[in-house]
Each structure stands twice: as C-alpha cells, then as structure tokens.
Amino acid sequence: MPGRPTLDTDKLASALKLVEAGIRPAQAAKQLGLGRSTLYRELALLRELAPETPALD
C-alpha cells in the first residue's frame, strides 16, 4: 500500500509512558522505532488537549 504507514497507537502509548517516566522524547522514539518528529508532534497535540498533565511539560 503506497503512502505513509499509519501511526501505531500502541507504540505511541508506550512512548508516552516512557516520557512520563523521565526518558527524553527523542530517546523514547528511538527505542520504540517511532519518528522523533512524530512523537514531538503527538506530545504537542496532547499538551493542547490536556494542558494540566504535568508529565508533558
């Protein structure tokens, strides 16, 4: 199937848990095989939707 693969929500959830545990987003992305920019984009989206989440600061 041509085009970009869909975002693996399980990998994204795992990456978010790693970030909440104190791992740098770039390292979490590398560890899980996600694009660094993809993870940063998703983190920014979550900050917009849930700004009160302290782990995303």
PDB file of N, CA and C in Angstrom:
ATOM      1  N   MET A   1       0.848  -1.173   0.000  1.00  0.00           N
ATOM      2  CA  MET A   1       0.000   0.000   0.000  1.00  0.00           C
ATOM      3  C   MET A   1       0.902   1.248   0.000  1.00  0.00           C
ATOM      4  N   PRO A   2       0.729   2.117  -0.954  1.00  0.00           N
ATOM      5  CA  PRO A   2       1.564   3.314  -1.017  1.00  0.00           C
ATOM      6  C   PRO A   2       1.214   4.318   0.078  1.00  0.00           C
ATOM      7  N   GLY A   3       2.167   5.181   0.341  1.00  0.00           N
ATOM      8  CA  GLY A   3       1.934   6.228   1.331  1.00  0.00           C
ATOM      9  C   GLY A   3       2.574   5.917   2.668  1.00  0.00           C
ATOM     10  N   ARG A   4       2.373   6.810   3.562  1.00  0.00           N
ATOM     11  CA  ARG A   4       2.956   6.703   4.901  1.00  0.00           C
ATOM     12  C   ARG A   4       2.177   5.690   5.737  1.00  0.00           C
ATOM     13  N   PRO A   5       2.865   4.864   6.519  1.00  0.00           N
ATOM     14  CA  PRO A   5       2.141   3.919   7.372  1.00  0.00           C
ATOM     15  C   PRO A   5       1.374   4.658   8.467  1.00  0.00           C
ATOM     16  N   THR A   6       0.303   4.058   8.922  1.00  0.00           N
ATOM     17  CA  THR A   6      -0.485   4.684   9.980  1.00  0.00           C
ATOM     18  C   THR A   6       0.284   4.649  11.292  1.00  0.00           C
ATOM     19  N   LEU A   7      -0.039   5.576  12.167  1.00  0.00           N
ATOM     20  CA  LEU A   7       0.632   5.676  13.451  1.00  0.00           C
ATOM     21  C   LEU A   7       0.207   4.512  14.338  1.00  0.00           C
ATOM     22  N   ASP A   8       1.165   3.801  14.861  1.00  0.00           N
ATOM     23  CA  ASP A   8       0.907   2.668  15.745  1.00  0.00           C
ATOM     24  C   ASP A   8       0.549   3.219  17.129  1.00  0.00           C
ATOM     25  N   THR A   9      -0.701   3.134  17.498  1.00  0.00           N
ATOM     26  CA  THR A   9      -1.154   3.719  18.762  1.00  0.00           C
ATOM     27  C   THR A   9      -0.553   3.015  19.975  1.00  0.00           C
ATOM     28  N   ASP A  10      -0.239   1.733  19.845  1.00  0.00           N
ATOM     29  CA  ASP A  10       0.403   1.022  20.955  1.00  0.00           C
ATOM     30  C   ASP A  10       1.814   1.565  21.199  1.00  0.00           C
ATOM     31  N   LYS A  11       2.543   1.795  20.107  1.00  0.00           N
ATOM     32  CA  LYS A  11       3.887   2.361  20.236  1.00  0.00           C
ATOM     33  C   LYS A  11       3.815   3.767  20.815  1.00  0.00           C
ATOM     34  N   LEU A  12       2.821   4.540  20.366  1.00  0.00           N
ATOM     35  CA  LEU A  12       2.663   5.898  20.877  1.00  0.00           C
ATOM     36  C   LEU A  12       2.366   5.879  22.371  1.00  0.00           C
ATOM     37  N   ALA A  13       1.481   4.997  22.805  1.00  0.00           N
ATOM     38  CA  ALA A  13       1.157   4.893  24.228  1.00  0.00           C
ATOM     39  C   ALA A  13       2.390   4.492  25.035  1.00  0.00           C
ATOM     40  N   SER A  14       3.166   3.572  24.503  1.00  0.00           N
ATOM     41  CA  SER A  14       4.399   3.161  25.187  1.00  0.00           C
ATOM     42  C   SER A  14       5.387   4.319  25.274  1.00  0.00           C
ATOM     43  N   ALA A  15       5.499   5.072  24.205  1.00  0.00           N
ATOM     44  CA  ALA A  15       6.400   6.221  24.199  1.00  0.00           C
ATOM     45  C   ALA A  15       5.964   7.253  25.231  1.00  0.00           C
ATOM     46  N   LEU A  16       4.679   7.491  25.336  1.00  0.00           N
ATOM     47  CA  LEU A  16       4.176   8.458  26.314  1.00  0.00           C
ATOM     48  C   LEU A  16       4.477   8.006  27.735  1.00  0.00           C
ATOM     49  N   LYS A  17       4.368   6.705  27.978  1.00  0.00           N
ATOM     50  CA  LYS A  17       4.705   6.185  29.309  1.00  0.00           C
ATOM     51  C   LYS A  17       6.182   6.374  29.620  1.00  0.00           C
ATOM     52  N   LEU A  18       7.023   6.169  28.608  1.00  0.00           N
ATOM     53  CA  LEU A  18       8.452   6.377  28.807  1.00  0.00           C
ATOM     54  C   LEU A  18       8.756   7.844  29.107  1.00  0.00           C
ATOM     55  N   VAL A  19       8.100   8.738  28.384  1.00  0.00           N
ATOM     56  CA  VAL A  19       8.300  10.173  28.613  1.00  0.00           C
ATOM     57  C   VAL A  19       7.834  10.554  30.019  1.00  0.00           C
ATOM     58  N   GLU A  20       6.703  10.008  30.423  1.00  0.00           N
ATOM     59  CA  GLU A  20       6.202  10.274  31.782  1.00  0.00           C
ATOM     60  C   GLU A  20       7.164   9.746  32.838  1.00  0.00           C
ATOM     61  N   ALA A  21       7.910   8.685  32.507  1.00  0.00           N
ATOM     62  CA  ALA A  21       8.871   8.100  33.446  1.00  0.00           C
ATOM     63  C   ALA A  21      10.192   8.868  33.462  1.00  0.00           C
ATOM     64  N   GLY A  22      10.317   9.873  32.594  1.00  0.00           N
ATOM     65  CA  GLY A  22      11.507  10.700  32.619  1.00  0.00           C
ATOM     66  C   GLY A  22      12.483  10.494  31.475  1.00  0.00           C
ATOM     67  N   ILE A  23      12.153   9.613  30.541  1.00  0.00           N
ATOM     68  CA  ILE A  23      13.002   9.390  29.369  1.00  0.00           C
ATOM     69  C   ILE A  23      12.779  10.558  28.396  1.00  0.00           C
ATOM     70  N   ARG A  24      13.863  11.028  27.794  1.00  0.00           N
ATOM     71  CA  ARG A  24      13.722  12.104  26.806  1.00  0.00           C
ATOM     72  C   ARG A  24      12.897  11.605  25.618  1.00  0.00           C
ATOM     73  N   PRO A  25      12.041  12.463  25.057  1.00  0.00           N
ATOM     74  CA  PRO A  25      11.208  12.035  23.923  1.00  0.00           C
ATOM     75  C   PRO A  25      12.010  11.474  22.755  1.00  0.00           C
ATOM     76  N   ALA A  26      13.151  12.076  22.447  1.00  0.00           N
ATOM     77  CA  ALA A  26      13.958  11.577  21.333  1.00  0.00           C
ATOM     78  C   ALA A  26      14.442  10.152  21.608  1.00  0.00           C
ATOM     79  N   GLN A  27      14.821   9.886  22.849  1.00  0.00           N
ATOM     80  CA  GLN A  27      15.290   8.547  23.212  1.00  0.00           C
ATOM     81  C   GLN A  27      14.131   7.549  23.187  1.00  0.00           C
ATOM     82  N   ALA A  28      12.972   7.955  23.674  1.00  0.00           N
ATOM     83  CA  ALA A  28      11.801   7.074  23.655  1.00  0.00           C
ATOM     84  C   ALA A  28      11.420   6.728  22.217  1.00  0.00           C
ATOM     85  N   ALA A  29      11.458   7.713  21.339  1.00  0.00           N
ATOM     86  CA  ALA A  29      11.125   7.476  19.930  1.00  0.00           C
ATOM     87  C   ALA A  29      12.103   6.491  19.300  1.00  0.00           C
ATOM     88  N   LYS A  30      13.378   6.686  19.566  1.00  0.00           N
ATOM     89  CA  LYS A  30      14.402   5.802  19.005  1.00  0.00           C
ATOM     90  C   LYS A  30      14.234   4.377  19.527  1.00  0.00           C
ATOM     91  N   GLN A  31      13.969   4.261  20.817  1.00  0.00           N
ATOM     92  CA  GLN A  31      13.827   2.949  21.450  1.00  0.00           C
ATOM     93  C   GLN A  31      12.653   2.169  20.861  1.00  0.00           C
ATOM     94  N   LEU A  32      11.590   2.868  20.493  1.00  0.00           N
ATOM     95  CA  LEU A  32      10.385   2.194  20.016  1.00  0.00           C
ATOM     96  C   LEU A  32      10.245   2.184  18.494  1.00  0.00           C
ATOM     97  N   GLY A  33      11.179   2.821  17.814  1.00  0.00           N
ATOM     98  CA  GLY A  33      11.104   2.829  16.362  1.00  0.00           C
ATOM     99  C   GLY A  33      10.102   3.813  15.806  1.00  0.00           C
ATOM    100  N   LEU A  34       9.815   4.854  16.566  1.00  0.00           N
ATOM    101  CA  LEU A  34       8.936   5.924  16.100  1.00  0.00           C
ATOM    102  C   LEU A  34       9.800   7.071  15.595  1.00  0.00           C
ATOM    103  N   GLY A  35       9.243   7.869  14.709  1.00  0.00           N
ATOM    104  CA  GLY A  35       9.956   9.064  14.282  1.00  0.00           C
ATOM    105  C   GLY A  35       9.974  10.079  15.412  1.00  0.00           C
ATOM    106  N   ARG A  36      11.121  10.732  15.565  1.00  0.00           N
ATOM    107  CA  ARG A  36      11.252  11.723  16.634  1.00  0.00           C
ATOM    108  C   ARG A  36      10.252  12.857  16.440  1.00  0.00           C
ATOM    109  N   SER A  37      10.134  13.344  15.210  1.00  0.00           N
ATOM    110  CA  SER A  37       9.205  14.443  14.953  1.00  0.00           C
ATOM    111  C   SER A  37       7.757  14.007  15.165  1.00  0.00           C
ATOM    112  N   THR A  38       7.463  12.754  14.872  1.00  0.00           N
ATOM    113  CA  THR A  38       6.113  12.231  15.107  1.00  0.00           C
ATOM    114  C   THR A  38       5.780  12.279  16.590  1.00  0.00           C
ATOM    115  N   LEU A  39       6.717  11.848  17.419  1.00  0.00           N
ATOM    116  CA  LEU A  39       6.466  11.838  18.857  1.00  0.00           C
ATOM    117  C   LEU A  39       6.325  13.258  19.391  1.00  0.00           C
ATOM    118  N   TYR A  40       7.202  14.160  18.966  1.00  0.00           N
ATOM    119  CA  TYR A  40       7.085  15.547  19.418  1.00  0.00           C
ATOM    120  C   TYR A  40       5.768  16.165  18.973  1.00  0.00           C
ATOM    121  N   ARG A  41       5.328  15.846  17.763  1.00  0.00           N
ATOM    122  CA  ARG A  41       4.047  16.366  17.265  1.00  0.00           C
ATOM    123  C   ARG A  41       2.889  15.848  18.121  1.00  0.00           C
ATOM    124  N   GLU A  42       2.923  14.567  18.439  1.00  0.00           N
ATOM    125  CA  GLU A  42       1.860  13.978  19.253  1.00  0.00           C
ATOM    126  C   GLU A  42       1.877  14.542  20.684  1.00  0.00           C
ATOM    127  N   LEU A  43       3.069  14.774  21.224  1.00  0.00           N
ATOM    128  CA  LEU A  43       3.163  15.383  22.553  1.00  0.00           C
ATOM    129  C   LEU A  43       2.576  16.788  22.549  1.00  0.00           C
ATOM    130  N   ALA A  44       2.847  17.548  21.501  1.00  0.00           N
ATOM    131  CA  ALA A  44       2.296  18.905  21.394  1.00  0.00           C
ATOM    132  C   ALA A  44       0.779  18.853  21.310  1.00  0.00           C
ATOM    133  N   LEU A  45       0.264  17.880  20.571  1.00  0.00           N
ATOM    134  CA  LEU A  45      -1.179  17.711  20.457  1.00  0.00           C
ATOM    135  C   LEU A  45      -1.800  17.391  21.822  1.00  0.00           C
ATOM    136  N   LEU A  46      -1.146  16.520  22.562  1.00  0.00           N
ATOM    137  CA  LEU A  46      -1.656  16.163  23.883  1.00  0.00           C
ATOM    138  C   LEU A  46      -1.605  17.342  24.852  1.00  0.00           C
ATOM    139  N   ARG A  47      -0.577  18.174  24.722  1.00  0.00           N
ATOM    140  CA  ARG A  47      -0.484  19.365  25.585  1.00  0.00           C
ATOM    141  C   ARG A  47      -1.651  20.299  25.318  1.00  0.00           C
ATOM    142  N   GLU A  48      -2.065  20.384  24.062  1.00  0.00           N
ATOM    143  CA  GLU A  48      -3.215  21.225  23.713  1.00  0.00           C
ATOM    144  C   GLU A  48      -4.494  20.656  24.293  1.00  0.00           C
ATOM    145  N   LEU A  49      -4.634  19.336  24.224  1.00  0.00           N
ATOM    146  CA  LEU A  49      -5.872  18.682  24.672  1.00  0.00           C
ATOM    147  C   LEU A  49      -5.945  18.536  26.187  1.00  0.00           C
ATOM    148  N   ALA A  50      -4.788  18.346  26.831  1.00  0.00           N
ATOM    149  CA  ALA A  50      -4.754  18.132  28.285  1.00  0.00           C
ATOM    150  C   ALA A  50      -3.607  18.924  28.908  1.00  0.00           C
ATOM    151  N   PRO A  51      -3.729  20.250  28.949  1.00  0.00           N
ATOM    152  CA  PRO A  51      -2.615  21.066  29.434  1.00  0.00           C
ATOM    153  C   PRO A  51      -2.285  20.862  30.906  1.00  0.00           C
ATOM    154  N   GLU A  52      -3.183  20.265  31.663  1.00  0.00           N
ATOM    155  CA  GLU A  52      -2.943  20.064  33.095  1.00  0.00           C
ATOM    156  C   GLU A  52      -2.102  18.830  33.390  1.00  0.00           C
ATOM    157  N   THR A  53      -1.722  18.062  32.371  1.00  0.00           N
ATOM    158  CA  THR A  53      -0.922  16.870  32.573  1.00  0.00           C
ATOM    159  C   THR A  53       0.529  17.263  32.845  1.00  0.00           C
ATOM    160  N   PRO A  54       1.011  17.110  34.087  1.00  0.00           N
ATOM    161  CA  PRO A  54       2.346  17.580  34.423  1.00  0.00           C
ATOM    162  C   PRO A  54       3.484  16.840  33.730  1.00  0.00           C
ATOM    163  N   ALA A  55       3.292  15.579  33.368  1.00  0.00           N
ATOM    164  CA  ALA A  55       4.367  14.795  32.758  1.00  0.00           C
ATOM    165  C   ALA A  55       4.716  15.284  31.362  1.00  0.00           C
ATOM    166  N   LEU A  56       3.829  16.053  30.753  1.00  0.00           N
ATOM    167  CA  LEU A  56       4.069  16.507  29.398  1.00  0.00           C
ATOM    168  C   LEU A  56       4.739  17.867  29.333  1.00  0.00           C
ATOM    169  N   ASP A  57       5.111  18.424  30.483  1.00  0.00           N
ATOM    170  CA  ASP A  57       5.763  19.747  30.489  1.00  0.00           C
ATOM    171  C   ASP A  57       7.180  19.668  30.042  1.00  0.00           C
TER     172      ASP A  57
END
